[in-house]
Amino acid sequence: MTDALAPGSHLALTYVSDDFEPDALQEVSDSFKAKGSHVDARSRNEVLRSSTASTWSIPG
């Protein structure tokens, strides 16, 4: 995923997680569905597994 980046660059990744507030996320998902769209939430572990990044910098 980062092969096309210039050396020293970083890739920022933002994702919707169902790890913390699944009920609130369900409300948002239902609202999106009612308008013809969708939300695909991923757990932190799913995001980490889907990446080939060798190093993660966690914000904070």
Protein backbone atom coordinates (compact mmCIF):
# COMPACT_ATOMS: atom_id res chain seq x y z
CA MET A 1 0.00 0.00 0.00
CA THR A 2 2.87 2.41 0.64
CA ASP A 3 5.09 1.44 -2.30
CA ALA A 4 3.94 4.46 -4.35
CA LEU A 5 4.78 6.95 -1.58
CA ALA A 6 7.95 9.02 -1.56
CA PRO A 7 10.60 7.83 0.92
CA GLY A 8 9.88 9.17 4.39
CA SER A 9 6.19 9.70 3.66
CA HIS A 10 3.37 8.51 5.87
CA LEU A 11 -0.09 7.27 5.01
CA ALA A 12 -2.96 8.40 7.25
CA LEU A 13 -5.81 5.95 7.64
CA THR A 14 -9.21 6.69 9.11
CA TYR A 15 -11.86 4.03 9.56
CA VAL A 16 -15.24 3.47 11.16
CA SER A 17 -14.94 1.12 14.11
CA ASP A 18 -17.56 -0.93 15.88
CA ASP A 19 -15.18 -1.54 18.80
CA PHE A 20 -16.58 1.08 21.19
CA GLU A 21 -20.20 2.09 20.56
CA PRO A 22 -21.91 -0.61 18.52
CA ASP A 23 -25.42 0.67 19.30
CA ALA A 24 -24.59 4.21 18.13
CA LEU A 25 -22.93 2.81 15.01
CA GLN A 26 -26.04 0.76 14.27
CA GLU A 27 -28.14 3.93 14.37
CA VAL A 28 -25.77 5.64 11.93
CA SER A 29 -25.73 2.57 9.69
CA ASP A 30 -29.54 2.42 9.66
CA SER A 31 -29.70 6.11 8.74
CA PHE A 32 -27.26 5.62 5.86
CA LYS A 33 -29.21 2.58 4.60
CA ALA A 34 -32.45 4.56 4.65
CA LYS A 35 -30.79 7.05 2.30
CA GLY A 36 -29.43 4.38 -0.06
CA SER A 37 -25.87 4.24 1.25
CA HIS A 38 -24.00 2.05 3.73
CA VAL A 39 -21.36 1.99 6.44
CA ASP A 40 -18.83 -0.82 6.63
CA ALA A 41 -17.39 -0.81 10.13
CA ARG A 42 -14.17 -2.65 10.87
CA SER A 43 -12.62 -3.61 14.17
CA ARG A 44 -9.09 -2.47 14.93
CA ASN A 45 -7.84 -6.01 14.42
CA GLU A 46 -9.52 -6.25 11.00
CA VAL A 47 -7.83 -3.03 9.88
CA LEU A 48 -4.44 -4.17 11.16
CA ARG A 49 -4.80 -7.56 9.42
CA SER A 50 -5.73 -5.95 6.10
CA SER A 51 -2.58 -3.87 5.94
CA THR A 52 0.89 -4.82 4.89
CA ALA A 53 2.40 -1.87 6.75
CA SER A 54 5.43 -2.96 8.69
CA THR A 55 5.14 -0.18 11.30
CA TRP A 56 2.08 1.53 12.76
CA SER A 57 2.24 4.92 14.46
CA ILE A 58 -0.70 5.20 16.81
CA PRO A 59 -1.77 8.83 17.36
CA GLY A 60 -1.77 10.35 20.79
